[in-house]
Amino acid sequence: MIQITIPTPDVTIYKQIAPKLSHIYGFTDFILIPRDKAGIFMFYNDKDELLFVGKARKLRPRIKKHFEDNVSVIKENREEVTKIEVCLVEDPVHREIYETYIINEYKAKYNVDKVLYK
């Protein structure tokens, strides 16, 4: 049996209600997410339920795309996201393994690909 240990999040940001500072989609600390680093990201709701897991070679632009894009799988549920966790993972094979494992272990609500637990 293979043991997979999920990395500890390097960055965690929370959505602010009526933020007074400059913000991106309610997240005033969005700038803390590295622009040119690779890794995995996880979106959570206010009940700390995992909504979506993704991976990216460039984290900040990819996460922003989920809030702007019309084809994102969470486009109908963007308002539900209240917390974003980011784990820096440079190796593409490790990113793929972590993403698939987290989706299936924690049953991410809006991930439709890579689901093995139906």
PDB file of N, CA and C in Angstrom:
ATOM      1  N   MET A   1       0.833  -1.172   0.000  1.00  0.00           N
ATOM      2  CA  MET A   1       0.000   0.000   0.000  1.00  0.00           C
ATOM      3  C   MET A   1       0.885   1.247   0.000  1.00  0.00           C
ATOM      4  N   ILE A   2       0.477   2.237  -0.728  1.00  0.00           N
ATOM      5  CA  ILE A   2       1.229   3.478  -0.834  1.00  0.00           C
ATOM      6  C   ILE A   2       0.694   4.478   0.188  1.00  0.00           C
ATOM      7  N   GLN A   3       1.595   5.100   0.943  1.00  0.00           N
ATOM      8  CA  GLN A   3       1.219   6.132   1.892  1.00  0.00           C
ATOM      9  C   GLN A   3       1.446   7.494   1.248  1.00  0.00           C
ATOM     10  N   ILE A   4       0.413   8.306   1.179  1.00  0.00           N
ATOM     11  CA  ILE A   4       0.525   9.656   0.632  1.00  0.00           C
ATOM     12  C   ILE A   4       0.246  10.640   1.752  1.00  0.00           C
ATOM     13  N   THR A   5       1.184  11.543   1.968  1.00  0.00           N
ATOM     14  CA  THR A   5       1.015  12.591   2.969  1.00  0.00           C
ATOM     15  C   THR A   5       0.786  13.899   2.231  1.00  0.00           C
ATOM     16  N   ILE A   6      -0.347  14.490   2.475  1.00  0.00           N
ATOM     17  CA  ILE A   6      -0.683  15.748   1.815  1.00  0.00           C
ATOM     18  C   ILE A   6       0.206  16.843   2.395  1.00  0.00           C
ATOM     19  N   PRO A   7       0.816  17.648   1.528  1.00  0.00           N
ATOM     20  CA  PRO A   7       1.683  18.707   2.055  1.00  0.00           C
ATOM     21  C   PRO A   7       0.882  19.733   2.865  1.00  0.00           C
ATOM     22  N   THR A   8       1.555  20.329   3.823  1.00  0.00           N
ATOM     23  CA  THR A   8       0.949  21.402   4.611  1.00  0.00           C
ATOM     24  C   THR A   8       0.817  22.631   3.720  1.00  0.00           C
ATOM     25  N   PRO A   9      -0.319  23.311   3.765  1.00  0.00           N
ATOM     26  CA  PRO A   9      -0.482  24.500   2.913  1.00  0.00           C
ATOM     27  C   PRO A   9       0.581  25.556   3.201  1.00  0.00           C
ATOM     28  N   ASP A  10       1.148  26.109   2.131  1.00  0.00           N
ATOM     29  CA  ASP A  10       2.134  27.178   2.252  1.00  0.00           C
ATOM     30  C   ASP A  10       1.449  28.529   2.399  1.00  0.00           C
ATOM     31  N   VAL A  11       0.261  28.668   1.817  1.00  0.00           N
ATOM     32  CA  VAL A  11      -0.498  29.915   1.875  1.00  0.00           C
ATOM     33  C   VAL A  11      -1.966  29.571   2.100  1.00  0.00           C
ATOM     34  N   THR A  12      -2.597  30.270   3.019  1.00  0.00           N
ATOM     35  CA  THR A  12      -4.036  30.155   3.243  1.00  0.00           C
ATOM     36  C   THR A  12      -4.593  31.572   3.288  1.00  0.00           C
ATOM     37  N   ILE A  13      -5.593  31.830   2.438  1.00  0.00           N
ATOM     38  CA  ILE A  13      -6.217  33.154   2.460  1.00  0.00           C
ATOM     39  C   ILE A  13      -7.723  32.991   2.647  1.00  0.00           C
ATOM     40  N   TYR A  14      -8.324  34.001   3.269  1.00  0.00           N
ATOM     41  CA  TYR A  14      -9.749  33.969   3.580  1.00  0.00           C
ATOM     42  C   TYR A  14     -10.467  35.117   2.899  1.00  0.00           C
ATOM     43  N   LYS A  15     -11.692  34.866   2.509  1.00  0.00           N
ATOM     44  CA  LYS A  15     -12.520  35.900   1.897  1.00  0.00           C
ATOM     45  C   LYS A  15     -13.005  36.859   2.983  1.00  0.00           C
ATOM     46  N   GLN A  16     -12.952  38.127   2.689  1.00  0.00           N
ATOM     47  CA  GLN A  16     -13.417  39.156   3.619  1.00  0.00           C
ATOM     48  C   GLN A  16     -14.823  39.590   3.217  1.00  0.00           C
ATOM     49  N   ILE A  17     -15.649  39.859   4.182  1.00  0.00           N
ATOM     50  CA  ILE A  17     -16.985  40.377   3.903  1.00  0.00           C
ATOM     51  C   ILE A  17     -16.866  41.893   3.869  1.00  0.00           C
ATOM     52  N   ALA A  18     -17.264  42.494   2.765  1.00  0.00           N
ATOM     53  CA  ALA A  18     -17.158  43.945   2.554  1.00  0.00           C
ATOM     54  C   ALA A  18     -15.749  44.446   2.862  1.00  0.00           C
ATOM     55  N   PRO A  19     -14.750  43.942   2.117  1.00  0.00           N
ATOM     56  CA  PRO A  19     -13.361  44.355   2.404  1.00  0.00           C
ATOM     57  C   PRO A  19     -13.154  45.848   2.158  1.00  0.00           C
ATOM     58  N   LYS A  20     -12.395  46.469   3.047  1.00  0.00           N
ATOM     59  CA  LYS A  20     -12.101  47.895   2.922  1.00  0.00           C
ATOM     60  C   LYS A  20     -10.849  48.114   2.085  1.00  0.00           C
ATOM     61  N   LEU A  21      -9.945  47.147   2.075  1.00  0.00           N
ATOM     62  CA  LEU A  21      -8.717  47.240   1.301  1.00  0.00           C
ATOM     63  C   LEU A  21      -8.948  46.723  -0.113  1.00  0.00           C
ATOM     64  N   SER A  22      -7.968  46.949  -0.958  1.00  0.00           N
ATOM     65  CA  SER A  22      -8.027  46.430  -2.317  1.00  0.00           C
ATOM     66  C   SER A  22      -8.150  44.905  -2.264  1.00  0.00           C
ATOM     67  N   HIS A  23      -9.008  44.344  -3.101  1.00  0.00           N
ATOM     68  CA  HIS A  23      -9.235  42.905  -3.041  1.00  0.00           C
ATOM     69  C   HIS A  23      -9.487  42.342  -4.433  1.00  0.00           C
ATOM     70  N   ILE A  24      -9.328  41.048  -4.521  1.00  0.00           N
ATOM     71  CA  ILE A  24      -9.656  40.310  -5.736  1.00  0.00           C
ATOM     72  C   ILE A  24     -10.688  39.279  -5.321  1.00  0.00           C
ATOM     73  N   TYR A  25     -11.930  39.465  -5.758  1.00  0.00           N
ATOM     74  CA  TYR A  25     -13.043  38.567  -5.456  1.00  0.00           C
ATOM     75  C   TYR A  25     -13.262  38.396  -3.960  1.00  0.00           C
ATOM     76  N   GLY A  26     -12.973  39.443  -3.190  1.00  0.00           N
ATOM     77  CA  GLY A  26     -13.176  39.402  -1.755  1.00  0.00           C
ATOM     78  C   GLY A  26     -11.972  38.940  -0.959  1.00  0.00           C
ATOM     79  N   PHE A  27     -10.927  38.492  -1.641  1.00  0.00           N
ATOM     80  CA  PHE A  27      -9.709  38.018  -0.983  1.00  0.00           C
ATOM     81  C   PHE A  27      -8.676  39.145  -0.984  1.00  0.00           C
ATOM     82  N   THR A  28      -8.471  39.780   0.176  1.00  0.00           N
ATOM     83  CA  THR A  28      -7.534  40.895   0.254  1.00  0.00           C
ATOM     84  C   THR A  28      -6.082  40.421   0.235  1.00  0.00           C
ATOM     85  N   ASP A  29      -5.832  39.187   0.587  1.00  0.00           N
ATOM     86  CA  ASP A  29      -4.469  38.649   0.623  1.00  0.00           C
ATOM     87  C   ASP A  29      -4.119  37.837  -0.621  1.00  0.00           C
ATOM     88  N   PHE A  30      -4.836  38.029  -1.705  1.00  0.00           N
ATOM     89  CA  PHE A  30      -4.605  37.267  -2.937  1.00  0.00           C
ATOM     90  C   PHE A  30      -3.157  37.394  -3.411  1.00  0.00           C
ATOM     91  N   ILE A  31      -2.532  38.518  -3.108  1.00  0.00           N
ATOM     92  CA  ILE A  31      -1.154  38.783  -3.509  1.00  0.00           C
ATOM     93  C   ILE A  31      -0.164  37.797  -2.861  1.00  0.00           C
ATOM     94  N   LEU A  32      -0.573  37.147  -1.778  1.00  0.00           N
ATOM     95  CA  LEU A  32       0.297  36.173  -1.103  1.00  0.00           C
ATOM     96  C   LEU A  32       0.475  34.887  -1.912  1.00  0.00           C
ATOM     97  N   ILE A  33      -0.429  34.637  -2.845  1.00  0.00           N
ATOM     98  CA  ILE A  33      -0.314  33.442  -3.688  1.00  0.00           C
ATOM     99  C   ILE A  33       0.774  33.712  -4.726  1.00  0.00           C
ATOM    100  N   PRO A  34       1.791  32.855  -4.787  1.00  0.00           N
ATOM    101  CA  PRO A  34       2.894  33.089  -5.731  1.00  0.00           C
ATOM    102  C   PRO A  34       2.404  33.093  -7.181  1.00  0.00           C
ATOM    103  N   ARG A  35       2.935  34.010  -7.954  1.00  0.00           N
ATOM    104  CA  ARG A  35       2.548  34.153  -9.351  1.00  0.00           C
ATOM    105  C   ARG A  35       3.223  33.091 -10.239  1.00  0.00           C
ATOM    106  N   ASP A  36       4.500  32.861 -10.028  1.00  0.00           N
ATOM    107  CA  ASP A  36       5.268  31.998 -10.925  1.00  0.00           C
ATOM    108  C   ASP A  36       5.710  30.682 -10.298  1.00  0.00           C
ATOM    109  N   LYS A  37       5.005  30.246  -9.282  1.00  0.00           N
ATOM    110  CA  LYS A  37       5.313  28.961  -8.653  1.00  0.00           C
ATOM    111  C   LYS A  37       4.234  27.947  -9.014  1.00  0.00           C
ATOM    112  N   ALA A  38       4.630  26.684  -8.995  1.00  0.00           N
ATOM    113  CA  ALA A  38       3.696  25.594  -9.307  1.00  0.00           C
ATOM    114  C   ALA A  38       3.174  24.980  -8.015  1.00  0.00           C
ATOM    115  N   GLY A  39       2.010  24.349  -8.108  1.00  0.00           N
ATOM    116  CA  GLY A  39       1.470  23.684  -6.933  1.00  0.00           C
ATOM    117  C   GLY A  39       0.038  23.255  -7.107  1.00  0.00           C
ATOM    118  N   ILE A  40      -0.585  22.953  -5.987  1.00  0.00           N
ATOM    119  CA  ILE A  40      -1.993  22.571  -5.966  1.00  0.00           C
ATOM    120  C   ILE A  40      -2.749  23.596  -5.121  1.00  0.00           C
ATOM    121  N   PHE A  41      -4.036  23.753  -5.419  1.00  0.00           N
ATOM    122  CA  PHE A  41      -4.858  24.683  -4.657  1.00  0.00           C
ATOM    123  C   PHE A  41      -6.181  24.012  -4.324  1.00  0.00           C
ATOM    124  N   MET A  42      -6.736  24.439  -3.195  1.00  0.00           N
ATOM    125  CA  MET A  42      -7.986  23.870  -2.707  1.00  0.00           C
ATOM    126  C   MET A  42      -8.922  25.000  -2.305  1.00  0.00           C
ATOM    127  N   PHE A  43     -10.166  24.927  -2.761  1.00  0.00           N
ATOM    128  CA  PHE A  43     -11.192  25.898  -2.411  1.00  0.00           C
ATOM    129  C   PHE A  43     -12.109  25.270  -1.370  1.00  0.00           C
ATOM    130  N   TYR A  44     -12.418  26.047  -0.320  1.00  0.00           N
ATOM    131  CA  TYR A  44     -13.295  25.589   0.756  1.00  0.00           C
ATOM    132  C   TYR A  44     -14.458  26.563   0.931  1.00  0.00           C
ATOM    133  N   ASN A  45     -15.554  26.063   1.498  1.00  0.00           N
ATOM    134  CA  ASN A  45     -16.671  26.955   1.820  1.00  0.00           C
ATOM    135  C   ASN A  45     -16.596  27.356   3.295  1.00  0.00           C
ATOM    136  N   ASP A  46     -17.593  28.075   3.786  1.00  0.00           N
ATOM    137  CA  ASP A  46     -17.572  28.568   5.168  1.00  0.00           C
ATOM    138  C   ASP A  46     -17.736  27.457   6.200  1.00  0.00           C
ATOM    139  N   LYS A  47     -18.159  26.267   5.774  1.00  0.00           N
ATOM    140  CA  LYS A  47     -18.271  25.121   6.684  1.00  0.00           C
ATOM    141  C   LYS A  47     -17.003  24.266   6.633  1.00  0.00           C
ATOM    142  N   ASP A  48     -15.980  24.766   5.946  1.00  0.00           N
ATOM    143  CA  ASP A  48     -14.689  24.091   5.771  1.00  0.00           C
ATOM    144  C   ASP A  48     -14.821  22.784   4.978  1.00  0.00           C
ATOM    145  N   GLU A  49     -15.826  22.724   4.103  1.00  0.00           N
ATOM    146  CA  GLU A  49     -15.979  21.577   3.203  1.00  0.00           C
ATOM    147  C   GLU A  49     -15.156  21.846   1.943  1.00  0.00           C
ATOM    148  N   LEU A  50     -14.478  20.829   1.472  1.00  0.00           N
ATOM    149  CA  LEU A  50     -13.666  20.957   0.265  1.00  0.00           C
ATOM    150  C   LEU A  50     -14.575  21.040  -0.954  1.00  0.00           C
ATOM    151  N   LEU A  51     -14.434  22.129  -1.703  1.00  0.00           N
ATOM    152  CA  LEU A  51     -15.267  22.327  -2.885  1.00  0.00           C
ATOM    153  C   LEU A  51     -14.568  21.904  -4.165  1.00  0.00           C
ATOM    154  N   PHE A  52     -13.290  22.261  -4.295  1.00  0.00           N
ATOM    155  CA  PHE A  52     -12.588  22.022  -5.556  1.00  0.00           C
ATOM    156  C   PHE A  52     -11.089  21.938  -5.302  1.00  0.00           C
ATOM    157  N   VAL A  53     -10.427  21.057  -6.045  1.00  0.00           N
ATOM    158  CA  VAL A  53      -8.975  20.912  -5.996  1.00  0.00           C
ATOM    159  C   VAL A  53      -8.453  21.062  -7.412  1.00  0.00           C
ATOM    160  N   GLY A  54      -7.360  21.799  -7.564  1.00  0.00           N
ATOM    161  CA  GLY A  54      -6.752  21.955  -8.871  1.00  0.00           C
ATOM    162  C   GLY A  54      -5.249  22.032  -8.758  1.00  0.00           C
ATOM    163  N   LYS A  55      -4.592  21.985  -9.901  1.00  0.00           N
ATOM    164  CA  LYS A  55      -3.138  22.102  -9.930  1.00  0.00           C
ATOM    165  C   LYS A  55      -2.769  23.110 -11.008  1.00  0.00           C
ATOM    166  N   ALA A  56      -1.565  23.677 -10.894  1.00  0.00           N
ATOM    167  CA  ALA A  56      -1.162  24.692 -11.861  1.00  0.00           C
ATOM    168  C   ALA A  56       0.354  24.837 -11.888  1.00  0.00           C
ATOM    169  N   ARG A  57       0.868  25.208 -13.057  1.00  0.00           N
ATOM    170  CA  ARG A  57       2.287  25.553 -13.170  1.00  0.00           C
ATOM    171  C   ARG A  57       2.526  26.969 -12.666  1.00  0.00           C
ATOM    172  N   LYS A  58       1.513  27.825 -12.820  1.00  0.00           N
ATOM    173  CA  LYS A  58       1.571  29.199 -12.317  1.00  0.00           C
ATOM    174  C   LYS A  58       0.291  29.422 -11.523  1.00  0.00           C
ATOM    175  N   LEU A  59       0.427  29.418 -10.213  1.00  0.00           N
ATOM    176  CA  LEU A  59      -0.732  29.360  -9.330  1.00  0.00           C
ATOM    177  C   LEU A  59      -1.670  30.560  -9.399  1.00  0.00           C
ATOM    178  N   ARG A  60      -1.160  31.768  -9.195  1.00  0.00           N
ATOM    179  CA  ARG A  60      -2.065  32.927  -9.100  1.00  0.00           C
ATOM    180  C   ARG A  60      -2.908  33.125 -10.357  1.00  0.00           C
ATOM    181  N   PRO A  61      -2.306  33.101 -11.572  1.00  0.00           N
ATOM    182  CA  PRO A  61      -3.154  33.268 -12.763  1.00  0.00           C
ATOM    183  C   PRO A  61      -4.209  32.157 -12.908  1.00  0.00           C
ATOM    184  N   ARG A  62      -3.847  30.936 -12.524  1.00  0.00           N
ATOM    185  CA  ARG A  62      -4.792  29.819 -12.654  1.00  0.00           C
ATOM    186  C   ARG A  62      -5.957  29.959 -11.679  1.00  0.00           C
ATOM    187  N   ILE A  63      -5.664  30.363 -10.462  1.00  0.00           N
ATOM    188  CA  ILE A  63      -6.730  30.537  -9.475  1.00  0.00           C
ATOM    189  C   ILE A  63      -7.646  31.685  -9.888  1.00  0.00           C
ATOM    190  N   LYS A  64      -7.057  32.792 -10.363  1.00  0.00           N
ATOM    191  CA  LYS A  64      -7.865  33.920 -10.822  1.00  0.00           C
ATOM    192  C   LYS A  64      -8.803  33.508 -11.950  1.00  0.00           C
ATOM    193  N   LYS A  65      -8.313  32.630 -12.812  1.00  0.00           N
ATOM    194  CA  LYS A  65      -9.105  32.173 -13.957  1.00  0.00           C
ATOM    195  C   LYS A  65     -10.402  31.488 -13.498  1.00  0.00           C
ATOM    196  N   HIS A  66     -10.349  30.788 -12.376  1.00  0.00           N
ATOM    197  CA  HIS A  66     -11.555  30.127 -11.862  1.00  0.00           C
ATOM    198  C   HIS A  66     -12.629  31.134 -11.463  1.00  0.00           C
ATOM    199  N   PHE A  67     -12.232  32.343 -11.106  1.00  0.00           N
ATOM    200  CA  PHE A  67     -13.196  33.369 -10.710  1.00  0.00           C
ATOM    201  C   PHE A  67     -13.651  34.223 -11.886  1.00  0.00           C
ATOM    202  N   GLU A  68     -12.966  34.128 -13.018  1.00  0.00           N
ATOM    203  CA  GLU A  68     -13.290  34.958 -14.183  1.00  0.00           C
ATOM    204  C   GLU A  68     -13.864  34.164 -15.349  1.00  0.00           C
ATOM    205  N   ASP A  69     -13.457  32.933 -15.469  1.00  0.00           N
ATOM    206  CA  ASP A  69     -13.727  32.108 -16.639  1.00  0.00           C
ATOM    207  C   ASP A  69     -15.185  31.656 -16.699  1.00  0.00           C
ATOM    208  N   ASN A  70     -15.716  31.564 -17.907  1.00  0.00           N
ATOM    209  CA  ASN A  70     -17.080  31.058 -18.083  1.00  0.00           C
ATOM    210  C   ASN A  70     -17.139  29.539 -18.185  1.00  0.00           C
ATOM    211  N   VAL A  71     -15.977  28.887 -18.307  1.00  0.00           N
ATOM    212  CA  VAL A  71     -15.980  27.434 -18.446  1.00  0.00           C
ATOM    213  C   VAL A  71     -15.499  26.720 -17.180  1.00  0.00           C
ATOM    214  N   SER A  72     -15.182  27.461 -16.147  1.00  0.00           N
ATOM    215  CA  SER A  72     -14.742  26.849 -14.893  1.00  0.00           C
ATOM    216  C   SER A  72     -15.873  26.002 -14.315  1.00  0.00           C
ATOM    217  N   VAL A  73     -15.513  24.876 -13.727  1.00  0.00           N
ATOM    218  CA  VAL A  73     -16.533  23.996 -13.145  1.00  0.00           C
ATOM    219  C   VAL A  73     -17.185  24.604 -11.907  1.00  0.00           C
ATOM    220  N   ILE A  74     -16.566  25.608 -11.322  1.00  0.00           N
ATOM    221  CA  ILE A  74     -17.169  26.242 -10.144  1.00  0.00           C
ATOM    222  C   ILE A  74     -17.845  27.571 -10.488  1.00  0.00           C
ATOM    223  N   LYS A  75     -18.033  27.848 -11.772  1.00  0.00           N
ATOM    224  CA  LYS A  75     -18.572  29.154 -12.178  1.00  0.00           C
ATOM    225  C   LYS A  75     -19.916  29.481 -11.524  1.00  0.00           C
ATOM    226  N   GLU A  76     -20.747  28.503 -11.286  1.00  0.00           N
ATOM    227  CA  GLU A  76     -22.049  28.730 -10.663  1.00  0.00           C
ATOM    228  C   GLU A  76     -21.953  28.840  -9.137  1.00  0.00           C
ATOM    229  N   ASN A  77     -20.803  28.481  -8.584  1.00  0.00           N
ATOM    230  CA  ASN A  77     -20.663  28.407  -7.134  1.00  0.00           C
ATOM    231  C   ASN A  77     -19.482  29.218  -6.610  1.00  0.00           C
ATOM    232  N   ARG A  78     -19.040  30.203  -7.340  1.00  0.00           N
ATOM    233  CA  ARG A  78     -17.887  31.020  -6.940  1.00  0.00           C
ATOM    234  C   ARG A  78     -18.102  31.722  -5.609  1.00  0.00           C
ATOM    235  N   GLU A  79     -19.322  32.148  -5.367  1.00  0.00           N
ATOM    236  CA  GLU A  79     -19.624  32.876  -4.131  1.00  0.00           C
ATOM    237  C   GLU A  79     -19.472  31.987  -2.895  1.00  0.00           C
ATOM    238  N   GLU A  80     -19.508  30.681  -3.107  1.00  0.00           N
ATOM    239  CA  GLU A  80     -19.395  29.735  -2.004  1.00  0.00           C
ATOM    240  C   GLU A  80     -17.973  29.665  -1.443  1.00  0.00           C
ATOM    241  N   VAL A  81     -16.987  30.019  -2.244  1.00  0.00           N
ATOM    242  CA  VAL A  81     -15.580  29.904  -1.844  1.00  0.00           C
ATOM    243  C   VAL A  81     -15.249  30.977  -0.810  1.00  0.00           C
ATOM    244  N   THR A  82     -14.821  30.532   0.382  1.00  0.00           N
ATOM    245  CA  THR A  82     -14.445  31.480   1.438  1.00  0.00           C
ATOM    246  C   THR A  82     -13.002  31.302   1.888  1.00  0.00           C
ATOM    247  N   LYS A  83     -12.370  30.206   1.474  1.00  0.00           N
ATOM    248  CA  LYS A  83     -10.980  29.966   1.864  1.00  0.00           C
ATOM    249  C   LYS A  83     -10.256  29.290   0.699  1.00  0.00           C
ATOM    250  N   ILE A  84      -9.015  29.721   0.471  1.00  0.00           N
ATOM    251  CA  ILE A  84      -8.164  29.110  -0.546  1.00  0.00           C
ATOM    252  C   ILE A  84      -6.870  28.676   0.135  1.00  0.00           C
ATOM    253  N   GLU A  85      -6.526  27.405  -0.030  1.00  0.00           N
ATOM    254  CA  GLU A  85      -5.246  26.892   0.460  1.00  0.00           C
ATOM    255  C   GLU A  85      -4.377  26.547  -0.736  1.00  0.00           C
ATOM    256  N   VAL A  86      -3.092  26.871  -0.618  1.00  0.00           N
ATOM    257  CA  VAL A  86      -2.145  26.628  -1.703  1.00  0.00           C
ATOM    258  C   VAL A  86      -0.948  25.866  -1.151  1.00  0.00           C
ATOM    259  N   CYS A  87      -0.564  24.794  -1.837  1.00  0.00           N
ATOM    260  CA  CYS A  87       0.631  24.026  -1.500  1.00  0.00           C
ATOM    261  C   CYS A  87       1.583  24.114  -2.685  1.00  0.00           C
ATOM    262  N   LEU A  88       2.807  24.544  -2.432  1.00  0.00           N
ATOM    263  CA  LEU A  88       3.790  24.652  -3.502  1.00  0.00           C
ATOM    264  C   LEU A  88       4.376  23.267  -3.782  1.00  0.00           C
ATOM    265  N   VAL A  89       4.225  22.813  -5.016  1.00  0.00           N
ATOM    266  CA  VAL A  89       4.709  21.501  -5.446  1.00  0.00           C
ATOM    267  C   VAL A  89       5.257  21.675  -6.856  1.00  0.00           C
ATOM    268  N   GLU A  90       6.570  21.635  -7.000  1.00  0.00           N
ATOM    269  CA  GLU A  90       7.182  21.895  -8.306  1.00  0.00           C
ATOM    270  C   GLU A  90       7.087  20.706  -9.264  1.00  0.00           C
ATOM    271  N   ASP A  91       7.207  19.499  -8.759  1.00  0.00           N
ATOM    272  CA  ASP A  91       7.231  18.312  -9.616  1.00  0.00           C
ATOM    273  C   ASP A  91       5.838  18.045 -10.200  1.00  0.00           C
ATOM    274  N   PRO A  92       5.705  18.018 -11.550  1.00  0.00           N
ATOM    275  CA  PRO A  92       4.385  17.811 -12.161  1.00  0.00           C
ATOM    276  C   PRO A  92       3.759  16.458 -11.823  1.00  0.00           C
ATOM    277  N   VAL A  93       4.565  15.437 -11.667  1.00  0.00           N
ATOM    278  CA  VAL A  93       4.032  14.116 -11.320  1.00  0.00           C
ATOM    279  C   VAL A  93       3.456  14.152  -9.905  1.00  0.00           C
ATOM    280  N   HIS A  94       4.158  14.805  -8.988  1.00  0.00           N
ATOM    281  CA  HIS A  94       3.657  14.920  -7.610  1.00  0.00           C
ATOM    282  C   HIS A  94       2.363  15.734  -7.561  1.00  0.00           C
ATOM    283  N   ARG A  95       2.283  16.801  -8.361  1.00  0.00           N
ATOM    284  CA  ARG A  95       1.045  17.595  -8.410  1.00  0.00           C
ATOM    285  C   ARG A  95      -0.128  16.735  -8.843  1.00  0.00           C
ATOM    286  N   GLU A  96       0.080  15.939  -9.866  1.00  0.00           N
ATOM    287  CA  GLU A  96      -0.975  15.054 -10.382  1.00  0.00           C
ATOM    288  C   GLU A  96      -1.421  14.055  -9.317  1.00  0.00           C
ATOM    289  N   ILE A  97      -0.460  13.458  -8.628  1.00  0.00           N
ATOM    290  CA  ILE A  97      -0.772  12.471  -7.587  1.00  0.00           C
ATOM    291  C   ILE A  97      -1.530  13.120  -6.438  1.00  0.00           C
ATOM    292  N   TYR A  98      -1.047  14.248  -5.951  1.00  0.00           N
ATOM    293  CA  TYR A  98      -1.716  14.945  -4.843  1.00  0.00           C
ATOM    294  C   TYR A  98      -3.133  15.353  -5.222  1.00  0.00           C
ATOM    295  N   GLU A  99      -3.295  15.928  -6.404  1.00  0.00           N
ATOM    296  CA  GLU A  99      -4.619  16.376  -6.839  1.00  0.00           C
ATOM    297  C   GLU A  99      -5.603  15.207  -6.859  1.00  0.00           C
ATOM    298  N   THR A 100      -5.226  14.115  -7.514  1.00  0.00           N
ATOM    299  CA  THR A 100      -6.108  12.950  -7.617  1.00  0.00           C
ATOM    300  C   THR A 100      -6.404  12.354  -6.240  1.00  0.00           C
ATOM    301  N   TYR A 101      -5.388  12.260  -5.412  1.00  0.00           N
ATOM    302  CA  TYR A 101      -5.569  11.703  -4.072  1.00  0.00           C
ATOM    303  C   TYR A 101      -6.530  12.557  -3.234  1.00  0.00           C
ATOM    304  N   ILE A 102      -6.315  13.868  -3.224  1.00  0.00           N
ATOM    305  CA  ILE A 102      -7.152  14.758  -2.414  1.00  0.00           C
ATOM    306  C   ILE A 102      -8.601  14.739  -2.902  1.00  0.00           C
ATOM    307  N   ILE A 103      -8.794  14.761  -4.212  1.00  0.00           N
ATOM    308  CA  ILE A 103     -10.151  14.721  -4.771  1.00  0.00           C
ATOM    309  C   ILE A 103     -10.906  13.493  -4.266  1.00  0.00           C
ATOM    310  N   ASN A 104     -10.239  12.358  -4.285  1.00  0.00           N
ATOM    311  CA  ASN A 104     -10.902  11.106  -3.933  1.00  0.00           C
ATOM    312  C   ASN A 104     -10.947  10.835  -2.429  1.00  0.00           C
ATOM    313  N   GLU A 105      -9.932  11.254  -1.709  1.00  0.00           N
ATOM    314  CA  GLU A 105      -9.900  11.029  -0.265  1.00  0.00           C
ATOM    315  C   GLU A 105     -10.889  11.939   0.459  1.00  0.00           C
ATOM    316  N   TYR A 106     -10.974  13.198   0.033  1.00  0.00           N
ATOM    317  CA  TYR A 106     -11.818  14.177   0.716  1.00  0.00           C
ATOM    318  C   TYR A 106     -13.095  14.510  -0.047  1.00  0.00           C
ATOM    319  N   LYS A 107     -13.299  13.829  -1.172  1.00  0.00           N
ATOM    320  CA  LYS A 107     -14.527  13.940  -1.977  1.00  0.00           C
ATOM    321  C   LYS A 107     -14.894  15.400  -2.282  1.00  0.00           C
ATOM    322  N   ALA A 108     -14.004  16.057  -3.019  1.00  0.00           N
ATOM    323  CA  ALA A 108     -14.221  17.447  -3.416  1.00  0.00           C
ATOM    324  C   ALA A 108     -15.537  17.562  -4.174  1.00  0.00           C
ATOM    325  N   LYS A 109     -16.358  18.490  -3.754  1.00  0.00           N
ATOM    326  CA  LYS A 109     -17.739  18.615  -4.219  1.00  0.00           C
ATOM    327  C   LYS A 109     -17.878  18.894  -5.717  1.00  0.00           C
ATOM    328  N   TYR A 110     -17.042  19.757  -6.272  1.00  0.00           N
ATOM    329  CA  TYR A 110     -17.218  20.173  -7.661  1.00  0.00           C
ATOM    330  C   TYR A 110     -16.186  19.608  -8.635  1.00  0.00           C
ATOM    331  N   ASN A 111     -15.314  18.731  -8.187  1.00  0.00           N
ATOM    332  CA  ASN A 111     -14.410  18.062  -9.122  1.00  0.00           C
ATOM    333  C   ASN A 111     -15.177  16.938  -9.802  1.00  0.00           C
ATOM    334  N   VAL A 112     -15.201  16.952 -11.124  1.00  0.00           N
ATOM    335  CA  VAL A 112     -15.909  15.909 -11.847  1.00  0.00           C
ATOM    336  C   VAL A 112     -14.950  14.952 -12.553  1.00  0.00           C
ATOM    337  N   ASP A 113     -13.766  15.438 -12.883  1.00  0.00           N
ATOM    338  CA  ASP A 113     -12.738  14.572 -13.466  1.00  0.00           C
ATOM    339  C   ASP A 113     -11.963  13.906 -12.345  1.00  0.00           C
ATOM    340  N   LYS A 114     -11.345  12.793 -12.648  1.00  0.00           N
ATOM    341  CA  LYS A 114     -10.476  12.075 -11.714  1.00  0.00           C
ATOM    342  C   LYS A 114     -11.202  11.525 -10.493  1.00  0.00           C
ATOM    343  N   VAL A 115     -12.512  11.407 -10.566  1.00  0.00           N
ATOM    344  CA  VAL A 115     -13.291  10.883  -9.447  1.00  0.00           C
ATOM    345  C   VAL A 115     -13.345   9.373  -9.562  1.00  0.00           C
ATOM    346  N   LEU A 116     -12.882   8.706  -8.511  1.00  0.00           N
ATOM    347  CA  LEU A 116     -12.854   7.237  -8.513  1.00  0.00           C
ATOM    348  C   LEU A 116     -13.830   6.639  -7.512  1.00  0.00           C
ATOM    349  N   TYR A 117     -14.538   7.464  -6.756  1.00  0.00           N
ATOM    350  CA  TYR A 117     -15.342   6.963  -5.633  1.00  0.00           C
ATOM    351  C   TYR A 117     -16.841   6.888  -5.904  1.00  0.00           C
ATOM    352  N   LYS A 118     -17.297   6.963  -7.108  1.00  0.00           N
ATOM    353  CA  LYS A 118     -18.747   7.031  -7.421  1.00  0.00           C
ATOM    354  C   LYS A 118     -19.574   5.960  -6.813  1.00  0.00           C
TER     355      LYS A 118
END
